[in-house]
Amino acid sequence: MKELKGSQRKYLRGLAHDIKPSAFVGQKGLTDALVNEINEALDASELIKVKFVDYKEKTVKTSLAQEIETSTASHLAGLIGHVAIYYREHKNPEKRVIRIPA
């Protein structure tokens, strides 16, 4: 999937407003188990939140968020406070729930 436009990111952030975080990044940072957990959550629901518990510095959160985006082949829709919002289109077209406006 190609890069998301600003309006598409805004749409996804709106959809994610009422979602609870699916994964938490703690003091161990980005582990294989955490990446697997995020992948499973993305497969299940396409749009998830990941909360950064022990990282308060914006530069650290941004670099971790980009690492997660790369390792899960997802799109970072936004980083708001200590929460990152990720989107990955379901592989099966019949199971896709979210329709992103063009």
PDB file of N, CA and C in Angstrom:
ATOM      1  N   MET A   1       0.839  -1.189   0.000  1.00  0.00           N
ATOM      2  CA  MET A   1       0.000   0.000   0.000  1.00  0.00           C
ATOM      3  C   MET A   1       0.880   1.247   0.000  1.00  0.00           C
ATOM      4  N   LYS A   2       0.439   2.253  -0.718  1.00  0.00           N
ATOM      5  CA  LYS A   2       1.225   3.485  -0.803  1.00  0.00           C
ATOM      6  C   LYS A   2       1.075   4.329   0.460  1.00  0.00           C
ATOM      7  N   GLU A   3       1.870   5.366   0.551  1.00  0.00           N
ATOM      8  CA  GLU A   3       1.880   6.258   1.707  1.00  0.00           C
ATOM      9  C   GLU A   3       0.521   6.946   1.873  1.00  0.00           C
ATOM     10  N   LEU A   4       0.126   7.151   3.119  1.00  0.00           N
ATOM     11  CA  LEU A   4      -1.156   7.796   3.414  1.00  0.00           C
ATOM     12  C   LEU A   4      -1.048   9.306   3.262  1.00  0.00           C
ATOM     13  N   LYS A   5      -2.126   9.920   2.768  1.00  0.00           N
ATOM     14  CA  LYS A   5      -2.207  11.376   2.679  1.00  0.00           C
ATOM     15  C   LYS A   5      -2.595  11.928   4.051  1.00  0.00           C
ATOM     16  N   GLY A   6      -2.411  13.217   4.238  1.00  0.00           N
ATOM     17  CA  GLY A   6      -2.756  13.861   5.499  1.00  0.00           C
ATOM     18  C   GLY A   6      -4.227  13.708   5.857  1.00  0.00           C
ATOM     19  N   SER A   7      -5.096  13.828   4.863  1.00  0.00           N
ATOM     20  CA  SER A   7      -6.537  13.692   5.120  1.00  0.00           C
ATOM     21  C   SER A   7      -6.895  12.264   5.517  1.00  0.00           C
ATOM     22  N   GLN A   8      -6.184  11.292   4.947  1.00  0.00           N
ATOM     23  CA  GLN A   8      -6.433   9.893   5.288  1.00  0.00           C
ATOM     24  C   GLN A   8      -5.957   9.595   6.714  1.00  0.00           C
ATOM     25  N   ARG A   9      -4.829  10.182   7.095  1.00  0.00           N
ATOM     26  CA  ARG A   9      -4.337  10.031   8.468  1.00  0.00           C
ATOM     27  C   ARG A   9      -5.335  10.626   9.462  1.00  0.00           C
ATOM     28  N   LYS A  10      -5.861  11.790   9.114  1.00  0.00           N
ATOM     29  CA  LYS A  10      -6.824  12.455   9.983  1.00  0.00           C
ATOM     30  C   LYS A  10      -8.082  11.600  10.141  1.00  0.00           C
ATOM     31  N   TYR A  11      -8.540  10.998   9.060  1.00  0.00           N
ATOM     32  CA  TYR A  11      -9.705  10.114   9.091  1.00  0.00           C
ATOM     33  C   TYR A  11      -9.450   8.924  10.023  1.00  0.00           C
ATOM     34  N   LEU A  12      -8.257   8.310   9.911  1.00  0.00           N
ATOM     35  CA  LEU A  12      -7.909   7.164  10.746  1.00  0.00           C
ATOM     36  C   LEU A  12      -7.778   7.548  12.219  1.00  0.00           C
ATOM     37  N   ARG A  13      -7.228   8.728  12.492  1.00  0.00           N
ATOM     38  CA  ARG A  13      -7.128   9.192  13.878  1.00  0.00           C
ATOM     39  C   ARG A  13      -8.518   9.366  14.479  1.00  0.00           C
ATOM     40  N   GLY A  14      -9.458   9.841  13.669  1.00  0.00           N
ATOM     41  CA  GLY A  14     -10.841   9.983  14.129  1.00  0.00           C
ATOM     42  C   GLY A  14     -11.472   8.642  14.448  1.00  0.00           C
ATOM     43  N   LEU A  15     -11.221   7.647  13.609  1.00  0.00           N
ATOM     44  CA  LEU A  15     -11.751   6.306  13.851  1.00  0.00           C
ATOM     45  C   LEU A  15     -11.137   5.684  15.114  1.00  0.00           C
ATOM     46  N   ALA A  16      -9.890   6.010  15.383  1.00  0.00           N
ATOM     47  CA  ALA A  16      -9.168   5.402  16.503  1.00  0.00           C
ATOM     48  C   ALA A  16      -9.479   6.053  17.843  1.00  0.00           C
ATOM     49  N   HIS A  17     -10.265   7.108  17.832  1.00  0.00           N
ATOM     50  CA  HIS A  17     -10.506   7.881  19.055  1.00  0.00           C
ATOM     51  C   HIS A  17     -10.997   7.020  20.223  1.00  0.00           C
ATOM     52  N   ASP A  18     -11.937   6.124  19.988  1.00  0.00           N
ATOM     53  CA  ASP A  18     -12.536   5.336  21.064  1.00  0.00           C
ATOM     54  C   ASP A  18     -11.872   3.971  21.279  1.00  0.00           C
ATOM     55  N   ILE A  19     -10.801   3.693  20.548  1.00  0.00           N
ATOM     56  CA  ILE A  19     -10.124   2.396  20.665  1.00  0.00           C
ATOM     57  C   ILE A  19      -9.175   2.419  21.869  1.00  0.00           C
ATOM     58  N   LYS A  20      -9.150   1.320  22.607  1.00  0.00           N
ATOM     59  CA  LYS A  20      -8.195   1.156  23.709  1.00  0.00           C
ATOM     60  C   LYS A  20      -6.867   0.641  23.132  1.00  0.00           C
ATOM     61  N   PRO A  21      -5.734   0.967  23.772  1.00  0.00           N
ATOM     62  CA  PRO A  21      -4.444   0.484  23.282  1.00  0.00           C
ATOM     63  C   PRO A  21      -4.383  -1.042  23.226  1.00  0.00           C
ATOM     64  N   SER A  22      -3.834  -1.568  22.140  1.00  0.00           N
ATOM     65  CA  SER A  22      -3.711  -3.014  21.942  1.00  0.00           C
ATOM     66  C   SER A  22      -2.384  -3.549  22.463  1.00  0.00           C
ATOM     67  N   ALA A  23      -1.387  -2.682  22.554  1.00  0.00           N
ATOM     68  CA  ALA A  23      -0.065  -3.101  23.017  1.00  0.00           C
ATOM     69  C   ALA A  23       0.583  -1.951  23.786  1.00  0.00           C
ATOM     70  N   PHE A  24       1.488  -2.318  24.679  1.00  0.00           N
ATOM     71  CA  PHE A  24       2.175  -1.329  25.503  1.00  0.00           C
ATOM     72  C   PHE A  24       3.682  -1.521  25.364  1.00  0.00           C
ATOM     73  N   VAL A  25       4.393  -0.426  25.096  1.00  0.00           N
ATOM     74  CA  VAL A  25       5.852  -0.467  24.994  1.00  0.00           C
ATOM     75  C   VAL A  25       6.390  -0.059  26.356  1.00  0.00           C
ATOM     76  N   GLY A  26       7.024  -1.024  27.057  1.00  0.00           N
ATOM     77  CA  GLY A  26       7.549  -0.774  28.388  1.00  0.00           C
ATOM     78  C   GLY A  26       9.042  -0.548  28.374  1.00  0.00           C
ATOM     79  N   GLN A  27       9.670  -0.802  29.508  1.00  0.00           N
ATOM     80  CA  GLN A  27      11.093  -0.512  29.650  1.00  0.00           C
ATOM     81  C   GLN A  27      11.983  -1.400  28.801  1.00  0.00           C
ATOM     82  N   LYS A  28      11.496  -2.568  28.374  1.00  0.00           N
ATOM     83  CA  LYS A  28      12.295  -3.447  27.520  1.00  0.00           C
ATOM     84  C   LYS A  28      12.350  -2.943  26.086  1.00  0.00           C
ATOM     85  N   GLY A  29      11.506  -1.993  25.751  1.00  0.00           N
ATOM     86  CA  GLY A  29      11.517  -1.430  24.409  1.00  0.00           C
ATOM     87  C   GLY A  29      10.824  -2.325  23.408  1.00  0.00           C
ATOM     88  N   LEU A  30      11.313  -2.307  22.196  1.00  0.00           N
ATOM     89  CA  LEU A  30      10.713  -3.057  21.102  1.00  0.00           C
ATOM     90  C   LEU A  30      11.314  -4.457  21.039  1.00  0.00           C
ATOM     91  N   THR A  31      10.545  -5.454  21.471  1.00  0.00           N
ATOM     92  CA  THR A  31      11.005  -6.845  21.464  1.00  0.00           C
ATOM     93  C   THR A  31      10.282  -7.616  20.360  1.00  0.00           C
ATOM     94  N   ASP A  32      10.777  -8.812  20.062  1.00  0.00           N
ATOM     95  CA  ASP A  32      10.125  -9.660  19.059  1.00  0.00           C
ATOM     96  C   ASP A  32       8.702 -10.011  19.487  1.00  0.00           C
ATOM     97  N   ALA A  33       8.519 -10.259  20.776  1.00  0.00           N
ATOM     98  CA  ALA A  33       7.194 -10.604  21.288  1.00  0.00           C
ATOM     99  C   ALA A  33       6.225  -9.434  21.087  1.00  0.00           C
ATOM    100  N   LEU A  34       6.709  -8.231  21.307  1.00  0.00           N
ATOM    101  CA  LEU A  34       5.863  -7.050  21.126  1.00  0.00           C
ATOM    102  C   LEU A  34       5.506  -6.862  19.651  1.00  0.00           C
ATOM    103  N   VAL A  35       6.462  -7.058  18.766  1.00  0.00           N
ATOM    104  CA  VAL A  35       6.203  -6.943  17.328  1.00  0.00           C
ATOM    105  C   VAL A  35       5.163  -7.981  16.898  1.00  0.00           C
ATOM    106  N   ASN A  36       5.278  -9.214  17.419  1.00  0.00           N
ATOM    107  CA  ASN A  36       4.292 -10.254  17.111  1.00  0.00           C
ATOM    108  C   ASN A  36       2.911  -9.879  17.621  1.00  0.00           C
ATOM    109  N   GLU A  37       2.855  -9.324  18.827  1.00  0.00           N
ATOM    110  CA  GLU A  37       1.584  -8.893  19.406  1.00  0.00           C
ATOM    111  C   GLU A  37       0.939  -7.804  18.549  1.00  0.00           C
ATOM    112  N   ILE A  38       1.732  -6.855  18.095  1.00  0.00           N
ATOM    113  CA  ILE A  38       1.222  -5.771  17.256  1.00  0.00           C
ATOM    114  C   ILE A  38       0.751  -6.321  15.912  1.00  0.00           C
ATOM    115  N   ASN A  39       1.518  -7.240  15.323  1.00  0.00           N
ATOM    116  CA  ASN A  39       1.106  -7.860  14.059  1.00  0.00           C
ATOM    117  C   ASN A  39      -0.222  -8.591  14.187  1.00  0.00           C
ATOM    118  N   GLU A  40      -0.389  -9.343  15.283  1.00  0.00           N
ATOM    119  CA  GLU A  40      -1.651 -10.057  15.510  1.00  0.00           C
ATOM    120  C   GLU A  40      -2.815  -9.091  15.676  1.00  0.00           C
ATOM    121  N   ALA A  41      -2.577  -8.003  16.404  1.00  0.00           N
ATOM    122  CA  ALA A  41      -3.637  -7.000  16.607  1.00  0.00           C
ATOM    123  C   ALA A  41      -4.009  -6.336  15.279  1.00  0.00           C
ATOM    124  N   LEU A  42      -3.017  -6.045  14.440  1.00  0.00           N
ATOM    125  CA  LEU A  42      -3.291  -5.444  13.131  1.00  0.00           C
ATOM    126  C   LEU A  42      -4.045  -6.411  12.223  1.00  0.00           C
ATOM    127  N   ASP A  43      -3.695  -7.690  12.286  1.00  0.00           N
ATOM    128  CA  ASP A  43      -4.411  -8.695  11.503  1.00  0.00           C
ATOM    129  C   ASP A  43      -5.865  -8.799  11.953  1.00  0.00           C
ATOM    130  N   ALA A  44      -6.098  -8.637  13.243  1.00  0.00           N
ATOM    131  CA  ALA A  44      -7.442  -8.777  13.789  1.00  0.00           C
ATOM    132  C   ALA A  44      -8.318  -7.559  13.513  1.00  0.00           C
ATOM    133  N   SER A  45      -7.733  -6.358  13.581  1.00  0.00           N
ATOM    134  CA  SER A  45      -8.609  -5.187  13.497  1.00  0.00           C
ATOM    135  C   SER A  45      -8.153  -4.044  12.598  1.00  0.00           C
ATOM    136  N   GLU A  46      -7.073  -4.148  11.883  1.00  0.00           N
ATOM    137  CA  GLU A  46      -6.572  -3.154  10.923  1.00  0.00           C
ATOM    138  C   GLU A  46      -6.098  -1.844  11.554  1.00  0.00           C
ATOM    139  N   LEU A  47      -6.789  -1.354  12.581  1.00  0.00           N
ATOM    140  CA  LEU A  47      -6.452  -0.070  13.201  1.00  0.00           C
ATOM    141  C   LEU A  47      -6.248  -0.294  14.692  1.00  0.00           C
ATOM    142  N   ILE A  48      -5.053   0.042  15.193  1.00  0.00           N
ATOM    143  CA  ILE A  48      -4.757  -0.184  16.610  1.00  0.00           C
ATOM    144  C   ILE A  48      -4.026   1.018  17.210  1.00  0.00           C
ATOM    145  N   LYS A  49      -3.981   1.013  18.542  1.00  0.00           N
ATOM    146  CA  LYS A  49      -3.190   1.988  19.275  1.00  0.00           C
ATOM    147  C   LYS A  49      -2.101   1.247  20.043  1.00  0.00           C
ATOM    148  N   VAL A  50      -0.939   1.876  20.128  1.00  0.00           N
ATOM    149  CA  VAL A  50       0.166   1.358  20.925  1.00  0.00           C
ATOM    150  C   VAL A  50       0.565   2.461  21.896  1.00  0.00           C
ATOM    151  N   LYS A  51       0.604   2.123  23.192  1.00  0.00           N
ATOM    152  CA  LYS A  51       0.930   3.127  24.208  1.00  0.00           C
ATOM    153  C   LYS A  51       2.377   2.962  24.670  1.00  0.00           C
ATOM    154  N   PHE A  52       3.074   4.091  24.764  1.00  0.00           N
ATOM    155  CA  PHE A  52       4.449   4.122  25.261  1.00  0.00           C
ATOM    156  C   PHE A  52       4.391   4.436  26.748  1.00  0.00           C
ATOM    157  N   VAL A  53       4.696   3.431  27.578  1.00  0.00           N
ATOM    158  CA  VAL A  53       4.560   3.575  29.020  1.00  0.00           C
ATOM    159  C   VAL A  53       5.780   4.237  29.644  1.00  0.00           C
ATOM    160  N   ASP A  54       6.962   3.744  29.326  1.00  0.00           N
ATOM    161  CA  ASP A  54       8.179   4.220  29.979  1.00  0.00           C
ATOM    162  C   ASP A  54       8.978   5.244  29.174  1.00  0.00           C
ATOM    163  N   TYR A  55       8.470   5.654  28.040  1.00  0.00           N
ATOM    164  CA  TYR A  55       9.201   6.599  27.195  1.00  0.00           C
ATOM    165  C   TYR A  55       8.425   7.908  27.133  1.00  0.00           C
ATOM    166  N   LYS A  56       9.019   8.960  27.697  1.00  0.00           N
ATOM    167  CA  LYS A  56       8.330  10.250  27.758  1.00  0.00           C
ATOM    168  C   LYS A  56       8.923  11.270  26.793  1.00  0.00           C
ATOM    169  N   GLU A  57      10.135  11.029  26.303  1.00  0.00           N
ATOM    170  CA  GLU A  57      10.790  11.970  25.393  1.00  0.00           C
ATOM    171  C   GLU A  57      10.250  11.799  23.972  1.00  0.00           C
ATOM    172  N   LYS A  58       9.883  12.892  23.344  1.00  0.00           N
ATOM    173  CA  LYS A  58       9.255  12.825  22.026  1.00  0.00           C
ATOM    174  C   LYS A  58      10.164  12.200  20.968  1.00  0.00           C
ATOM    175  N   THR A  59      11.442  12.508  20.990  1.00  0.00           N
ATOM    176  CA  THR A  59      12.352  11.955  19.976  1.00  0.00           C
ATOM    177  C   THR A  59      12.464  10.438  20.091  1.00  0.00           C
ATOM    178  N   VAL A  60      12.482   9.933  21.316  1.00  0.00           N
ATOM    179  CA  VAL A  60      12.559   8.487  21.541  1.00  0.00           C
ATOM    180  C   VAL A  60      11.271   7.821  21.066  1.00  0.00           C
ATOM    181  N   LYS A  61      10.122   8.429  21.419  1.00  0.00           N
ATOM    182  CA  LYS A  61       8.833   7.876  20.988  1.00  0.00           C
ATOM    183  C   LYS A  61       8.719   7.881  19.473  1.00  0.00           C
ATOM    184  N   THR A  62       9.167   8.940  18.833  1.00  0.00           N
ATOM    185  CA  THR A  62       9.095   9.042  17.375  1.00  0.00           C
ATOM    186  C   THR A  62       9.941   7.964  16.712  1.00  0.00           C
ATOM    187  N   SER A  63      11.166   7.758  17.203  1.00  0.00           N
ATOM    188  CA  SER A  63      12.022   6.736  16.597  1.00  0.00           C
ATOM    189  C   SER A  63      11.468   5.333  16.839  1.00  0.00           C
ATOM    190  N   LEU A  64      10.937   5.059  18.027  1.00  0.00           N
ATOM    191  CA  LEU A  64      10.318   3.761  18.301  1.00  0.00           C
ATOM    192  C   LEU A  64       9.082   3.556  17.432  1.00  0.00           C
ATOM    193  N   ALA A  65       8.295   4.600  17.264  1.00  0.00           N
ATOM    194  CA  ALA A  65       7.079   4.522  16.442  1.00  0.00           C
ATOM    195  C   ALA A  65       7.439   4.191  14.991  1.00  0.00           C
ATOM    196  N   GLN A  66       8.497   4.808  14.476  1.00  0.00           N
ATOM    197  CA  GLN A  66       8.929   4.529  13.109  1.00  0.00           C
ATOM    198  C   GLN A  66       9.487   3.114  12.980  1.00  0.00           C
ATOM    199  N   GLU A  67      10.171   2.635  14.025  1.00  0.00           N
ATOM    200  CA  GLU A  67      10.673   1.254  14.030  1.00  0.00           C
ATOM    201  C   GLU A  67       9.516   0.265  13.968  1.00  0.00           C
ATOM    202  N   ILE A  68       8.478   0.514  14.756  1.00  0.00           N
ATOM    203  CA  ILE A  68       7.303  -0.353  14.766  1.00  0.00           C
ATOM    204  C   ILE A  68       6.639  -0.326  13.396  1.00  0.00           C
ATOM    205  N   GLU A  69       6.524   0.856  12.819  1.00  0.00           N
ATOM    206  CA  GLU A  69       5.911   1.007  11.494  1.00  0.00           C
ATOM    207  C   GLU A  69       6.657   0.163  10.459  1.00  0.00           C
ATOM    208  N   THR A  70       7.977   0.208  10.490  1.00  0.00           N
ATOM    209  CA  THR A  70       8.793  -0.545   9.537  1.00  0.00           C
ATOM    210  C   THR A  70       8.707  -2.047   9.782  1.00  0.00           C
ATOM    211  N   SER A  71       8.824  -2.455  11.034  1.00  0.00           N
ATOM    212  CA  SER A  71       8.867  -3.887  11.341  1.00  0.00           C
ATOM    213  C   SER A  71       7.519  -4.581  11.180  1.00  0.00           C
ATOM    214  N   THR A  72       6.425  -3.821  11.204  1.00  0.00           N
ATOM    215  CA  THR A  72       5.097  -4.431  11.046  1.00  0.00           C
ATOM    216  C   THR A  72       4.493  -4.159   9.670  1.00  0.00           C
ATOM    217  N   ALA A  73       5.184  -3.442   8.826  1.00  0.00           N
ATOM    218  CA  ALA A  73       4.689  -3.077   7.489  1.00  0.00           C
ATOM    219  C   ALA A  73       3.329  -2.397   7.579  1.00  0.00           C
ATOM    220  N   SER A  74       3.226  -1.485   8.533  1.00  0.00           N
ATOM    221  CA  SER A  74       1.974  -0.748   8.735  1.00  0.00           C
ATOM    222  C   SER A  74       2.223   0.737   8.480  1.00  0.00           C
ATOM    223  N   HIS A  75       1.175   1.534   8.663  1.00  0.00           N
ATOM    224  CA  HIS A  75       1.279   2.989   8.503  1.00  0.00           C
ATOM    225  C   HIS A  75       1.024   3.655   9.838  1.00  0.00           C
ATOM    226  N   LEU A  76       1.871   4.607  10.174  1.00  0.00           N
ATOM    227  CA  LEU A  76       1.684   5.398  11.383  1.00  0.00           C
ATOM    228  C   LEU A  76       0.700   6.514  11.047  1.00  0.00           C
ATOM    229  N   ALA A  77      -0.505   6.425  11.611  1.00  0.00           N
ATOM    230  CA  ALA A  77      -1.526   7.431  11.332  1.00  0.00           C
ATOM    231  C   ALA A  77      -1.360   8.652  12.219  1.00  0.00           C
ATOM    232  N   GLY A  78      -0.731   8.477  13.374  1.00  0.00           N
ATOM    233  CA  GLY A  78      -0.518   9.606  14.250  1.00  0.00           C
ATOM    234  C   GLY A  78       0.175   9.203  15.532  1.00  0.00           C
ATOM    235  N   LEU A  79       0.829  10.186  16.145  1.00  0.00           N
ATOM    236  CA  LEU A  79       1.474  10.006  17.440  1.00  0.00           C
ATOM    237  C   LEU A  79       0.957  11.132  18.323  1.00  0.00           C
ATOM    238  N   ILE A  80       0.032  10.781  19.199  1.00  0.00           N
ATOM    239  CA  ILE A  80      -0.628  11.779  20.032  1.00  0.00           C
ATOM    240  C   ILE A  80      -0.299  11.489  21.491  1.00  0.00           C
ATOM    241  N   GLY A  81       0.457  12.378  22.119  1.00  0.00           N
ATOM    242  CA  GLY A  81       0.870  12.151  23.494  1.00  0.00           C
ATOM    243  C   GLY A  81       1.767  10.929  23.579  1.00  0.00           C
ATOM    244  N   HIS A  82       1.333   9.944  24.362  1.00  0.00           N
ATOM    245  CA  HIS A  82       2.110   8.717  24.529  1.00  0.00           C
ATOM    246  C   HIS A  82       1.505   7.559  23.751  1.00  0.00           C
ATOM    247  N   VAL A  83       0.658   7.868  22.782  1.00  0.00           N
ATOM    248  CA  VAL A  83      -0.048   6.829  22.024  1.00  0.00           C
ATOM    249  C   VAL A  83       0.204   6.992  20.528  1.00  0.00           C
ATOM    250  N   ALA A  84       0.566   5.871  19.886  1.00  0.00           N
ATOM    251  CA  ALA A  84       0.757   5.843  18.432  1.00  0.00           C
ATOM    252  C   ALA A  84      -0.406   5.066  17.824  1.00  0.00           C
ATOM    253  N   ILE A  85      -0.882   5.525  16.665  1.00  0.00           N
ATOM    254  CA  ILE A  85      -1.994   4.885  15.970  1.00  0.00           C
ATOM    255  C   ILE A  85      -1.452   4.283  14.675  1.00  0.00           C
ATOM    256  N   TYR A  86      -1.703   2.983  14.493  1.00  0.00           N
ATOM    257  CA  TYR A  86      -1.213   2.260  13.318  1.00  0.00           C
ATOM    258  C   TYR A  86      -2.361   1.686  12.515  1.00  0.00           C
ATOM    259  N   TYR A  87      -2.161   1.672  11.195  1.00  0.00           N
ATOM    260  CA  TYR A  87      -3.143   1.097  10.281  1.00  0.00           C
ATOM    261  C   TYR A  87      -2.425   0.170   9.308  1.00  0.00           C
ATOM    262  N   ARG A  88      -3.023  -1.004   9.099  1.00  0.00           N
ATOM    263  CA  ARG A  88      -2.545  -1.906   8.060  1.00  0.00           C
ATOM    264  C   ARG A  88      -3.770  -2.578   7.452  1.00  0.00           C
ATOM    265  N   GLU A  89      -3.905  -2.407   6.140  1.00  0.00           N
ATOM    266  CA  GLU A  89      -5.021  -2.980   5.408  1.00  0.00           C
ATOM    267  C   GLU A  89      -4.982  -4.505   5.504  1.00  0.00           C
ATOM    268  N   HIS A  90      -6.142  -5.118   5.723  1.00  0.00           N
ATOM    269  CA  HIS A  90      -6.202  -6.577   5.814  1.00  0.00           C
ATOM    270  C   HIS A  90      -5.836  -7.197   4.467  1.00  0.00           C
ATOM    271  N   LYS A  91      -5.107  -8.319   4.494  1.00  0.00           N
ATOM    272  CA  LYS A  91      -4.657  -8.965   3.262  1.00  0.00           C
ATOM    273  C   LYS A  91      -5.819  -9.489   2.437  1.00  0.00           C
ATOM    274  N   ASN A  92      -6.851  -9.961   3.107  1.00  0.00           N
ATOM    275  CA  ASN A  92      -8.032 -10.505   2.443  1.00  0.00           C
ATOM    276  C   ASN A  92      -9.025  -9.371   2.172  1.00  0.00           C
ATOM    277  N   PRO A  93      -9.303  -9.032   0.899  1.00  0.00           N
ATOM    278  CA  PRO A  93     -10.214  -7.918   0.592  1.00  0.00           C
ATOM    279  C   PRO A  93     -11.611  -8.089   1.186  1.00  0.00           C
ATOM    280  N   GLU A  94     -12.054  -9.326   1.386  1.00  0.00           N
ATOM    281  CA  GLU A  94     -13.385  -9.560   1.942  1.00  0.00           C
ATOM    282  C   GLU A  94     -13.461  -9.242   3.425  1.00  0.00           C
ATOM    283  N   LYS A  95     -12.321  -9.261   4.119  1.00  0.00           N
ATOM    284  CA  LYS A  95     -12.298  -9.018   5.559  1.00  0.00           C
ATOM    285  C   LYS A  95     -11.947  -7.573   5.909  1.00  0.00           C
ATOM    286  N   ARG A  96     -11.760  -6.734   4.924  1.00  0.00           N
ATOM    287  CA  ARG A  96     -11.440  -5.322   5.184  1.00  0.00           C
ATOM    288  C   ARG A  96     -12.652  -4.593   5.725  1.00  0.00           C
ATOM    289  N   VAL A  97     -12.472  -3.964   6.852  1.00  0.00           N
ATOM    290  CA  VAL A  97     -13.559  -3.256   7.516  1.00  0.00           C
ATOM    291  C   VAL A  97     -13.467  -1.751   7.248  1.00  0.00           C
ATOM    292  N   ILE A  98     -12.264  -1.236   7.219  1.00  0.00           N
ATOM    293  CA  ILE A  98     -12.050   0.201   7.077  1.00  0.00           C
ATOM    294  C   ILE A  98     -11.888   0.572   5.609  1.00  0.00           C
ATOM    295  N   ARG A  99     -12.678   1.511   5.181  1.00  0.00           N
ATOM    296  CA  ARG A  99     -12.579   2.052   3.818  1.00  0.00           C
ATOM    297  C   ARG A  99     -12.039   3.477   3.924  1.00  0.00           C
ATOM    298  N   ILE A 100     -10.811   3.674   3.467  1.00  0.00           N
ATOM    299  CA  ILE A 100     -10.175   4.991   3.557  1.00  0.00           C
ATOM    300  C   ILE A 100     -10.590   5.845   2.370  1.00  0.00           C
ATOM    301  N   PRO A 101     -11.034   7.073   2.627  1.00  0.00           N
ATOM    302  CA  PRO A 101     -11.385   7.952   1.508  1.00  0.00           C
ATOM    303  C   PRO A 101     -10.149   8.311   0.670  1.00  0.00           C
ATOM    304  N   ALA A 102     -10.364   8.504  -0.613  1.00  0.00           N
ATOM    305  CA  ALA A 102      -9.261   8.797  -1.545  1.00  0.00           C
ATOM    306  C   ALA A 102      -8.684  10.176  -1.348  1.00  0.00           C
TER     307      ALA A 102
END
